[in-house]
Amino acid sequence: MDPLSFGYAALVTFGSIWGYKWRGSIPSLIAGLFVGLLAGYGANHVSNDKQDIKISLLVAFFLATIMGVWFQRPKKIMPAGLVAGLSLMMILRLVLLLL
């Protein structure tokens, strides 16, 4: 089992629920739950085969890009800067798994 990948997926999923309760945005909730489920699916693949990082890498790259752009606008760390930073660390970790 890969606890870091599952933790990342749980954080993304929990963050979408927390964001919905805080802001009330249903599209953000749906998108966050979908991306969180994809991250969990990717974590399952990484748990079964450390070389199978395609899905997890795609999700982390997507979140790093989107949240990085959102972080650039108001320059607030929460939540976009945090998710972008965690996604960049996940990308680095996944690439290191291949080595």
PDB file of N, CA and C in Angstrom:
ATOM      1  N   MET A   1       0.845  -1.177   0.000  1.00  0.00           N
ATOM      2  CA  MET A   1       0.000   0.000   0.000  1.00  0.00           C
ATOM      3  C   MET A   1       0.895   1.247   0.000  1.00  0.00           C
ATOM      4  N   ASP A   2       0.445   2.266  -0.690  1.00  0.00           N
ATOM      5  CA  ASP A   2       1.182   3.522  -0.786  1.00  0.00           C
ATOM      6  C   ASP A   2       0.442   4.594   0.024  1.00  0.00           C
ATOM      7  N   PRO A   3       0.786   4.758   1.303  1.00  0.00           N
ATOM      8  CA  PRO A   3       0.030   5.685   2.153  1.00  0.00           C
ATOM      9  C   PRO A   3       0.143   7.150   1.726  1.00  0.00           C
ATOM     10  N   LEU A   4       1.252   7.558   1.150  1.00  0.00           N
ATOM     11  CA  LEU A   4       1.386   8.959   0.730  1.00  0.00           C
ATOM     12  C   LEU A   4       0.446   9.295  -0.420  1.00  0.00           C
ATOM     13  N   SER A   5       0.322   8.382  -1.369  1.00  0.00           N
ATOM     14  CA  SER A   5      -0.588   8.629  -2.492  1.00  0.00           C
ATOM     15  C   SER A   5      -2.047   8.619  -2.033  1.00  0.00           C
ATOM     16  N   PHE A   6      -2.378   7.686  -1.137  1.00  0.00           N
ATOM     17  CA  PHE A   6      -3.750   7.659  -0.620  1.00  0.00           C
ATOM     18  C   PHE A   6      -4.033   8.882   0.256  1.00  0.00           C
ATOM     19  N   GLY A   7      -3.026   9.330   1.006  1.00  0.00           N
ATOM     20  CA  GLY A   7      -3.193  10.542   1.807  1.00  0.00           C
ATOM     21  C   GLY A   7      -3.417  11.765   0.941  1.00  0.00           C
ATOM     22  N   TYR A   8      -2.686  11.853  -0.168  1.00  0.00           N
ATOM     23  CA  TYR A   8      -2.861  12.953  -1.120  1.00  0.00           C
ATOM     24  C   TYR A   8      -4.283  12.935  -1.691  1.00  0.00           C
ATOM     25  N   ALA A   9      -4.753  11.745  -2.069  1.00  0.00           N
ATOM     26  CA  ALA A   9      -6.114  11.616  -2.607  1.00  0.00           C
ATOM     27  C   ALA A   9      -7.152  12.013  -1.561  1.00  0.00           C
ATOM     28  N   ALA A  10      -6.943  11.584  -0.331  1.00  0.00           N
ATOM     29  CA  ALA A  10      -7.881  11.939   0.741  1.00  0.00           C
ATOM     30  C   ALA A  10      -7.878  13.436   1.006  1.00  0.00           C
ATOM     31  N   LEU A  11      -6.699  14.046   0.963  1.00  0.00           N
ATOM     32  CA  LEU A  11      -6.590  15.485   1.180  1.00  0.00           C
ATOM     33  C   LEU A  11      -7.329  16.274   0.093  1.00  0.00           C
ATOM     34  N   VAL A  12      -7.170  15.845  -1.146  1.00  0.00           N
ATOM     35  CA  VAL A  12      -7.864  16.520  -2.252  1.00  0.00           C
ATOM     36  C   VAL A  12      -9.380  16.359  -2.096  1.00  0.00           C
ATOM     37  N   THR A  13      -9.819  15.163  -1.757  1.00  0.00           N
ATOM     38  CA  THR A  13     -11.253  14.909  -1.594  1.00  0.00           C
ATOM     39  C   THR A  13     -11.808  15.696  -0.413  1.00  0.00           C
ATOM     40  N   PHE A  14     -11.115  15.634   0.722  1.00  0.00           N
ATOM     41  CA  PHE A  14     -11.557  16.379   1.898  1.00  0.00           C
ATOM     42  C   PHE A  14     -11.552  17.882   1.630  1.00  0.00           C
ATOM     43  N   GLY A  15     -10.549  18.344   0.909  1.00  0.00           N
ATOM     44  CA  GLY A  15     -10.462  19.766   0.585  1.00  0.00           C
ATOM     45  C   GLY A  15     -11.628  20.248  -0.252  1.00  0.00           C
ATOM     46  N   SER A  16     -12.113  19.399  -1.158  1.00  0.00           N
ATOM     47  CA  SER A  16     -13.267  19.805  -1.969  1.00  0.00           C
ATOM     48  C   SER A  16     -14.525  19.917  -1.105  1.00  0.00           C
ATOM     49  N   ILE A  17     -14.667  19.006  -0.150  1.00  0.00           N
ATOM     50  CA  ILE A  17     -15.829  19.063   0.758  1.00  0.00           C
ATOM     51  C   ILE A  17     -15.726  20.286   1.666  1.00  0.00           C
ATOM     52  N   TRP A  18     -14.528  20.529   2.190  1.00  0.00           N
ATOM     53  CA  TRP A  18     -14.321  21.690   3.045  1.00  0.00           C
ATOM     54  C   TRP A  18     -14.565  22.982   2.266  1.00  0.00           C
ATOM     55  N   GLY A  19     -14.086  23.043   1.017  1.00  0.00           N
ATOM     56  CA  GLY A  19     -14.306  24.216   0.183  1.00  0.00           C
ATOM     57  C   GLY A  19     -15.778  24.459  -0.107  1.00  0.00           C
ATOM     58  N   TYR A  20     -16.523  23.377  -0.289  1.00  0.00           N
ATOM     59  CA  TYR A  20     -17.962  23.524  -0.508  1.00  0.00           C
ATOM     60  C   TYR A  20     -18.644  24.098   0.728  1.00  0.00           C
ATOM     61  N   LYS A  21     -18.277  23.593   1.908  1.00  0.00           N
ATOM     62  CA  LYS A  21     -18.893  24.105   3.135  1.00  0.00           C
ATOM     63  C   LYS A  21     -18.500  25.555   3.385  1.00  0.00           C
ATOM     64  N   TRP A  22     -17.286  25.933   2.974  1.00  0.00           N
ATOM     65  CA  TRP A  22     -16.790  27.278   3.214  1.00  0.00           C
ATOM     66  C   TRP A  22     -17.342  28.272   2.204  1.00  0.00           C
ATOM     67  N   ARG A  23     -17.341  27.903   0.924  1.00  0.00           N
ATOM     68  CA  ARG A  23     -17.760  28.811  -0.147  1.00  0.00           C
ATOM     69  C   ARG A  23     -19.119  28.481  -0.753  1.00  0.00           C
ATOM     70  N   GLY A  24     -19.526  27.219  -0.683  1.00  0.00           N
ATOM     71  CA  GLY A  24     -20.815  26.821  -1.231  1.00  0.00           C
ATOM     72  C   GLY A  24     -20.820  26.625  -2.736  1.00  0.00           C
ATOM     73  N   SER A  25     -19.672  26.358  -3.338  1.00  0.00           N
ATOM     74  CA  SER A  25     -19.583  26.185  -4.778  1.00  0.00           C
ATOM     75  C   SER A  25     -19.785  24.722  -5.160  1.00  0.00           C
ATOM     76  N   ILE A  26     -20.902  24.431  -5.772  1.00  0.00           N
ATOM     77  CA  ILE A  26     -21.206  23.060  -6.181  1.00  0.00           C
ATOM     78  C   ILE A  26     -20.288  22.591  -7.311  1.00  0.00           C
ATOM     79  N   PRO A  27     -19.985  23.418  -8.333  1.00  0.00           N
ATOM     80  CA  PRO A  27     -19.049  22.957  -9.361  1.00  0.00           C
ATOM     81  C   PRO A  27     -17.671  22.606  -8.799  1.00  0.00           C
ATOM     82  N   SER A  28     -17.187  23.371  -7.827  1.00  0.00           N
ATOM     83  CA  SER A  28     -15.903  23.055  -7.201  1.00  0.00           C
ATOM     84  C   SER A  28     -15.982  21.749  -6.423  1.00  0.00           C
ATOM     85  N   LEU A  29     -17.098  21.511  -5.777  1.00  0.00           N
ATOM     86  CA  LEU A  29     -17.292  20.259  -5.047  1.00  0.00           C
ATOM     87  C   LEU A  29     -17.255  19.074  -5.994  1.00  0.00           C
ATOM     88  N   ILE A  30     -17.982  19.168  -7.090  1.00  0.00           N
ATOM     89  CA  ILE A  30     -18.029  18.067  -8.053  1.00  0.00           C
ATOM     90  C   ILE A  30     -16.655  17.832  -8.672  1.00  0.00           C
ATOM     91  N   ALA A  31     -15.999  18.900  -9.086  1.00  0.00           N
ATOM     92  CA  ALA A  31     -14.664  18.763  -9.685  1.00  0.00           C
ATOM     93  C   ALA A  31     -13.671  18.203  -8.675  1.00  0.00           C
ATOM     94  N   GLY A  32     -13.713  18.686  -7.443  1.00  0.00           N
ATOM     95  CA  GLY A  32     -12.801  18.212  -6.415  1.00  0.00           C
ATOM     96  C   GLY A  32     -13.021  16.747  -6.074  1.00  0.00           C
ATOM     97  N   LEU A  33     -14.276  16.342  -5.981  1.00  0.00           N
ATOM     98  CA  LEU A  33     -14.563  14.930  -5.704  1.00  0.00           C
ATOM     99  C   LEU A  33     -14.103  14.046  -6.853  1.00  0.00           C
ATOM    100  N   PHE A  34     -14.313  14.508  -8.071  1.00  0.00           N
ATOM    101  CA  PHE A  34     -13.887  13.737  -9.236  1.00  0.00           C
ATOM    102  C   PHE A  34     -12.367  13.591  -9.270  1.00  0.00           C
ATOM    103  N   VAL A  35     -11.659  14.685  -9.055  1.00  0.00           N
ATOM    104  CA  VAL A  35     -10.197  14.640  -9.063  1.00  0.00           C
ATOM    105  C   VAL A  35      -9.693  13.817  -7.878  1.00  0.00           C
ATOM    106  N   GLY A  36     -10.340  13.932  -6.724  1.00  0.00           N
ATOM    107  CA  GLY A  36      -9.955  13.129  -5.567  1.00  0.00           C
ATOM    108  C   GLY A  36     -10.133  11.643  -5.819  1.00  0.00           C
ATOM    109  N   LEU A  37     -11.237  11.276  -6.473  1.00  0.00           N
ATOM    110  CA  LEU A  37     -11.451   9.866  -6.816  1.00  0.00           C
ATOM    111  C   LEU A  37     -10.415   9.382  -7.824  1.00  0.00           C
ATOM    112  N   LEU A  38     -10.076  10.223  -8.796  1.00  0.00           N
ATOM    113  CA  LEU A  38      -9.024   9.859  -9.745  1.00  0.00           C
ATOM    114  C   LEU A  38      -7.677   9.686  -9.044  1.00  0.00           C
ATOM    115  N   ALA A  39      -7.398  10.554  -8.087  1.00  0.00           N
ATOM    116  CA  ALA A  39      -6.147  10.429  -7.332  1.00  0.00           C
ATOM    117  C   ALA A  39      -6.143   9.130  -6.522  1.00  0.00           C
ATOM    118  N   GLY A  40      -7.288   8.760  -5.967  1.00  0.00           N
ATOM    119  CA  GLY A  40      -7.390   7.491  -5.245  1.00  0.00           C
ATOM    120  C   GLY A  40      -7.217   6.298  -6.161  1.00  0.00           C
ATOM    121  N   TYR A  41      -7.768   6.392  -7.348  1.00  0.00           N
ATOM    122  CA  TYR A  41      -7.608   5.328  -8.347  1.00  0.00           C
ATOM    123  C   TYR A  41      -6.140   5.196  -8.746  1.00  0.00           C
ATOM    124  N   GLY A  42      -5.481   6.330  -8.942  1.00  0.00           N
ATOM    125  CA  GLY A  42      -4.057   6.317  -9.254  1.00  0.00           C
ATOM    126  C   GLY A  42      -3.234   5.768  -8.097  1.00  0.00           C
ATOM    127  N   ALA A  43      -3.626   6.104  -6.869  1.00  0.00           N
ATOM    128  CA  ALA A  43      -2.920   5.584  -5.694  1.00  0.00           C
ATOM    129  C   ALA A  43      -3.044   4.064  -5.618  1.00  0.00           C
ATOM    130  N   ASN A  44      -4.195   3.559  -5.992  1.00  0.00           N
ATOM    131  CA  ASN A  44      -4.386   2.104  -6.015  1.00  0.00           C
ATOM    132  C   ASN A  44      -3.442   1.460  -7.033  1.00  0.00           C
ATOM    133  N   HIS A  45      -3.296   2.082  -8.189  1.00  0.00           N
ATOM    134  CA  HIS A  45      -2.387   1.565  -9.208  1.00  0.00           C
ATOM    135  C   HIS A  45      -0.934   1.603  -8.725  1.00  0.00           C
ATOM    136  N   VAL A  46      -0.549   2.699  -8.075  1.00  0.00           N
ATOM    137  CA  VAL A  46       0.817   2.811  -7.566  1.00  0.00           C
ATOM    138  C   VAL A  46       1.055   1.783  -6.461  1.00  0.00           C
ATOM    139  N   SER A  47       0.032   1.505  -5.658  1.00  0.00           N
ATOM    140  CA  SER A  47       0.166   0.511  -4.597  1.00  0.00           C
ATOM    141  C   SER A  47       0.406  -0.884  -5.160  1.00  0.00           C
ATOM    142  N   ASN A  48      -0.220  -1.185  -6.281  1.00  0.00           N
ATOM    143  CA  ASN A  48      -0.069  -2.503  -6.889  1.00  0.00           C
ATOM    144  C   ASN A  48       1.224  -2.636  -7.685  1.00  0.00           C
ATOM    145  N   ASP A  49       1.682  -1.537  -8.292  1.00  0.00           N
ATOM    146  CA  ASP A  49       2.907  -1.564  -9.101  1.00  0.00           C
ATOM    147  C   ASP A  49       3.552  -0.185  -9.027  1.00  0.00           C
ATOM    148  N   LYS A  50       4.708  -0.095  -8.396  1.00  0.00           N
ATOM    149  CA  LYS A  50       5.384   1.184  -8.198  1.00  0.00           C
ATOM    150  C   LYS A  50       5.762   1.880  -9.508  1.00  0.00           C
ATOM    151  N   GLN A  51       5.774   1.148 -10.612  1.00  0.00           N
ATOM    152  CA  GLN A  51       6.109   1.729 -11.910  1.00  0.00           C
ATOM    153  C   GLN A  51       4.878   2.308 -12.621  1.00  0.00           C
ATOM    154  N   ASP A  52       3.675   2.005 -12.125  1.00  0.00           N
ATOM    155  CA  ASP A  52       2.435   2.436 -12.772  1.00  0.00           C
ATOM    156  C   ASP A  52       1.984   3.777 -12.180  1.00  0.00           C
ATOM    157  N   ILE A  53       2.640   4.845 -12.602  1.00  0.00           N
ATOM    158  CA  ILE A  53       2.381   6.171 -12.025  1.00  0.00           C
ATOM    159  C   ILE A  53       1.600   7.091 -12.961  1.00  0.00           C
ATOM    160  N   LYS A  54       1.197   6.586 -14.111  1.00  0.00           N
ATOM    161  CA  LYS A  54       0.603   7.462 -15.134  1.00  0.00           C
ATOM    162  C   LYS A  54      -0.585   8.263 -14.611  1.00  0.00           C
ATOM    163  N   ILE A  55      -1.538   7.596 -13.990  1.00  0.00           N
ATOM    164  CA  ILE A  55      -2.755   8.281 -13.544  1.00  0.00           C
ATOM    165  C   ILE A  55      -2.430   9.265 -12.426  1.00  0.00           C
ATOM    166  N   SER A  56      -1.653   8.812 -11.447  1.00  0.00           N
ATOM    167  CA  SER A  56      -1.295   9.693 -10.327  1.00  0.00           C
ATOM    168  C   SER A  56      -0.504  10.902 -10.812  1.00  0.00           C
ATOM    169  N   LEU A  57       0.396  10.679 -11.744  1.00  0.00           N
ATOM    170  CA  LEU A  57       1.196  11.776 -12.280  1.00  0.00           C
ATOM    171  C   LEU A  57       0.323  12.770 -13.043  1.00  0.00           C
ATOM    172  N   LEU A  58      -0.616  12.272 -13.814  1.00  0.00           N
ATOM    173  CA  LEU A  58      -1.529  13.140 -14.558  1.00  0.00           C
ATOM    174  C   LEU A  58      -2.374  13.993 -13.617  1.00  0.00           C
ATOM    175  N   VAL A  59      -2.904  13.378 -12.568  1.00  0.00           N
ATOM    176  CA  VAL A  59      -3.737  14.111 -11.607  1.00  0.00           C
ATOM    177  C   VAL A  59      -2.910  15.175 -10.887  1.00  0.00           C
ATOM    178  N   ALA A  60      -1.719  14.798 -10.430  1.00  0.00           N
ATOM    179  CA  ALA A  60      -0.872  15.753  -9.714  1.00  0.00           C
ATOM    180  C   ALA A  60      -0.448  16.902 -10.631  1.00  0.00           C
ATOM    181  N   PHE A  61      -0.118  16.594 -11.879  1.00  0.00           N
ATOM    182  CA  PHE A  61       0.264  17.641 -12.827  1.00  0.00           C
ATOM    183  C   PHE A  61      -0.915  18.578 -13.103  1.00  0.00           C
ATOM    184  N   PHE A  62      -2.107  18.007 -13.276  1.00  0.00           N
ATOM    185  CA  PHE A  62      -3.313  18.802 -13.509  1.00  0.00           C
ATOM    186  C   PHE A  62      -3.564  19.747 -12.335  1.00  0.00           C
ATOM    187  N   LEU A  63      -3.516  19.206 -11.112  1.00  0.00           N
ATOM    188  CA  LEU A  63      -3.774  20.049  -9.945  1.00  0.00           C
ATOM    189  C   LEU A  63      -2.678  21.091  -9.736  1.00  0.00           C
ATOM    190  N   ALA A  64      -1.434  20.722  -9.982  1.00  0.00           N
ATOM    191  CA  ALA A  64      -0.344  21.688  -9.836  1.00  0.00           C
ATOM    192  C   ALA A  64      -0.513  22.842 -10.820  1.00  0.00           C
ATOM    193  N   THR A  65      -0.935  22.530 -12.028  1.00  0.00           N
ATOM    194  CA  THR A  65      -1.122  23.565 -13.050  1.00  0.00           C
ATOM    195  C   THR A  65      -2.309  24.472 -12.718  1.00  0.00           C
ATOM    196  N   ILE A  66      -3.462  23.861 -12.480  1.00  0.00           N
ATOM    197  CA  ILE A  66      -4.677  24.652 -12.209  1.00  0.00           C
ATOM    198  C   ILE A  66      -4.528  25.475 -10.934  1.00  0.00           C
ATOM    199  N   MET A  67      -4.108  24.828  -9.871  1.00  0.00           N
ATOM    200  CA  MET A  67      -4.000  25.544  -8.602  1.00  0.00           C
ATOM    201  C   MET A  67      -2.840  26.539  -8.617  1.00  0.00           C
ATOM    202  N   GLY A  68      -1.807  26.255  -9.398  1.00  0.00           N
ATOM    203  CA  GLY A  68      -0.719  27.211  -9.540  1.00  0.00           C
ATOM    204  C   GLY A  68      -1.191  28.494 -10.202  1.00  0.00           C
ATOM    205  N   VAL A  69      -2.026  28.362 -11.224  1.00  0.00           N
ATOM    206  CA  VAL A  69      -2.598  29.536 -11.889  1.00  0.00           C
ATOM    207  C   VAL A  69      -3.509  30.295 -10.931  1.00  0.00           C
ATOM    208  N   TRP A  70      -4.327  29.566 -10.170  1.00  0.00           N
ATOM    209  CA  TRP A  70      -5.221  30.221  -9.211  1.00  0.00           C
ATOM    210  C   TRP A  70      -4.439  30.893  -8.089  1.00  0.00           C
ATOM    211  N   PHE A  71      -3.303  30.319  -7.730  1.00  0.00           N
ATOM    212  CA  PHE A  71      -2.469  30.926  -6.691  1.00  0.00           C
ATOM    213  C   PHE A  71      -1.855  32.236  -7.182  1.00  0.00           C
ATOM    214  N   GLN A  72      -1.539  32.333  -8.461  1.00  0.00           N
ATOM    215  CA  GLN A  72      -0.914  33.529  -9.017  1.00  0.00           C
ATOM    216  C   GLN A  72      -1.816  34.756  -8.931  1.00  0.00           C
ATOM    217  N   ARG A  73      -3.107  34.552  -8.985  1.00  0.00           N
ATOM    218  CA  ARG A  73      -4.025  35.705  -8.991  1.00  0.00           C
ATOM    219  C   ARG A  73      -4.017  36.469  -7.667  1.00  0.00           C
ATOM    220  N   PRO A  74      -4.529  35.887  -6.577  1.00  0.00           N
ATOM    221  CA  PRO A  74      -4.562  36.682  -5.335  1.00  0.00           C
ATOM    222  C   PRO A  74      -3.347  36.514  -4.434  1.00  0.00           C
ATOM    223  N   LYS A  75      -2.453  35.582  -4.760  1.00  0.00           N
ATOM    224  CA  LYS A  75      -1.252  35.316  -3.957  1.00  0.00           C
ATOM    225  C   LYS A  75      -1.583  34.842  -2.542  1.00  0.00           C
ATOM    226  N   LYS A  76      -2.697  34.122  -2.393  1.00  0.00           N
ATOM    227  CA  LYS A  76      -3.054  33.560  -1.092  1.00  0.00           C
ATOM    228  C   LYS A  76      -2.631  32.098  -1.053  1.00  0.00           C
ATOM    229  N   ILE A  77      -2.049  31.708   0.064  1.00  0.00           N
ATOM    230  CA  ILE A  77      -1.564  30.340   0.208  1.00  0.00           C
ATOM    231  C   ILE A  77      -2.723  29.349   0.256  1.00  0.00           C
ATOM    232  N   MET A  78      -3.774  29.658   0.978  1.00  0.00           N
ATOM    233  CA  MET A  78      -4.889  28.728   1.124  1.00  0.00           C
ATOM    234  C   MET A  78      -5.971  29.048   0.115  1.00  0.00           C
ATOM    235  N   PRO A  79      -6.525  28.095  -0.535  1.00  0.00           N
ATOM    236  CA  PRO A  79      -6.129  26.698  -0.634  1.00  0.00           C
ATOM    237  C   PRO A  79      -5.248  26.413  -1.851  1.00  0.00           C
ATOM    238  N   ALA A  80      -5.242  27.323  -2.812  1.00  0.00           N
ATOM    239  CA  ALA A  80      -4.584  27.034  -4.094  1.00  0.00           C
ATOM    240  C   ALA A  80      -3.075  26.837  -3.945  1.00  0.00           C
ATOM    241  N   GLY A  81      -2.408  27.644  -3.179  1.00  0.00           N
ATOM    242  CA  GLY A  81      -0.969  27.519  -3.013  1.00  0.00           C
ATOM    243  C   GLY A  81      -0.589  26.226  -2.319  1.00  0.00           C
ATOM    244  N   LEU A  82      -1.377  25.831  -1.335  1.00  0.00           N
ATOM    245  CA  LEU A  82      -1.123  24.582  -0.622  1.00  0.00           C
ATOM    246  C   LEU A  82      -1.269  23.381  -1.540  1.00  0.00           C
ATOM    247  N   VAL A  83      -2.350  23.336  -2.294  1.00  0.00           N
ATOM    248  CA  VAL A  83      -2.593  22.207  -3.196  1.00  0.00           C
ATOM    249  C   VAL A  83      -1.557  22.186  -4.319  1.00  0.00           C
ATOM    250  N   ALA A  84      -1.197  23.342  -4.845  1.00  0.00           N
ATOM    251  CA  ALA A  84      -0.170  23.397  -5.891  1.00  0.00           C
ATOM    252  C   ALA A  84       1.168  22.892  -5.356  1.00  0.00           C
ATOM    253  N   GLY A  85       1.533  23.310  -4.163  1.00  0.00           N
ATOM    254  CA  GLY A  85       2.791  22.854  -3.567  1.00  0.00           C
ATOM    255  C   GLY A  85       2.788  21.356  -3.290  1.00  0.00           C
ATOM    256  N   LEU A  86       1.696  20.849  -2.721  1.00  0.00           N
ATOM    257  CA  LEU A  86       1.601  19.411  -2.466  1.00  0.00           C
ATOM    258  C   LEU A  86       1.620  18.616  -3.766  1.00  0.00           C
ATOM    259  N   SER A  87       0.997  19.154  -4.790  1.00  0.00           N
ATOM    260  CA  SER A  87       0.976  18.470  -6.081  1.00  0.00           C
ATOM    261  C   SER A  87       2.372  18.425  -6.691  1.00  0.00           C
ATOM    262  N   LEU A  88       3.123  19.507  -6.559  1.00  0.00           N
ATOM    263  CA  LEU A  88       4.503  19.507  -7.058  1.00  0.00           C
ATOM    264  C   LEU A  88       5.364  18.491  -6.304  1.00  0.00           C
ATOM    265  N   MET A  89       5.161  18.394  -4.985  1.00  0.00           N
ATOM    266  CA  MET A  89       5.903  17.396  -4.219  1.00  0.00           C
ATOM    267  C   MET A  89       5.497  15.981  -4.618  1.00  0.00           C
ATOM    268  N   MET A  90       4.220  15.786  -4.931  1.00  0.00           N
ATOM    269  CA  MET A  90       3.756  14.466  -5.363  1.00  0.00           C
ATOM    270  C   MET A  90       4.360  14.114  -6.721  1.00  0.00           C
ATOM    271  N   ILE A  91       4.465  15.087  -7.613  1.00  0.00           N
ATOM    272  CA  ILE A  91       5.098  14.842  -8.913  1.00  0.00           C
ATOM    273  C   ILE A  91       6.546  14.402  -8.711  1.00  0.00           C
ATOM    274  N   LEU A  92       7.263  15.110  -7.864  1.00  0.00           N
ATOM    275  CA  LEU A  92       8.650  14.758  -7.585  1.00  0.00           C
ATOM    276  C   LEU A  92       8.756  13.353  -7.000  1.00  0.00           C
ATOM    277  N   ARG A  93       7.897  13.038  -6.069  1.00  0.00           N
ATOM    278  CA  ARG A  93       7.910  11.721  -5.447  1.00  0.00           C
ATOM    279  C   ARG A  93       7.614  10.624  -6.451  1.00  0.00           C
ATOM    280  N   LEU A  94       6.642  10.854  -7.320  1.00  0.00           N
ATOM    281  CA  LEU A  94       6.282   9.838  -8.311  1.00  0.00           C
ATOM    282  C   LEU A  94       7.421   9.604  -9.318  1.00  0.00           C
ATOM    283  N   VAL A  95       8.070  10.684  -9.715  1.00  0.00           N
ATOM    284  CA  VAL A  95       9.202  10.532 -10.627  1.00  0.00           C
ATOM    285  C   VAL A  95      10.338   9.775  -9.947  1.00  0.00           C
ATOM    286  N   LEU A  96      10.564  10.049  -8.670  1.00  0.00           N
ATOM    287  CA  LEU A  96      11.612   9.334  -7.937  1.00  0.00           C
ATOM    288  C   LEU A  96      11.293   7.846  -7.776  1.00  0.00           C
ATOM    289  N   LEU A  97      10.012   7.499  -7.768  1.00  0.00           N
ATOM    290  CA  LEU A  97       9.642   6.080  -7.697  1.00  0.00           C
ATOM    291  C   LEU A  97      10.123   5.312  -8.926  1.00  0.00           C
ATOM    292  N   LEU A  98      10.238   6.002 -10.038  1.00  0.00           N
ATOM    293  CA  LEU A  98      10.682   5.337 -11.272  1.00  0.00           C
ATOM    294  C   LEU A  98      12.178   5.045 -11.254  1.00  0.00           C
ATOM    295  N   LEU A  99      12.930   5.767 -10.460  1.00  0.00           N
ATOM    296  CA  LEU A  99      14.386   5.589 -10.437  1.00  0.00           C
ATOM    297  C   LEU A  99      14.812   4.389  -9.621  1.00  0.00           C
TER     298      LEU A  99
END
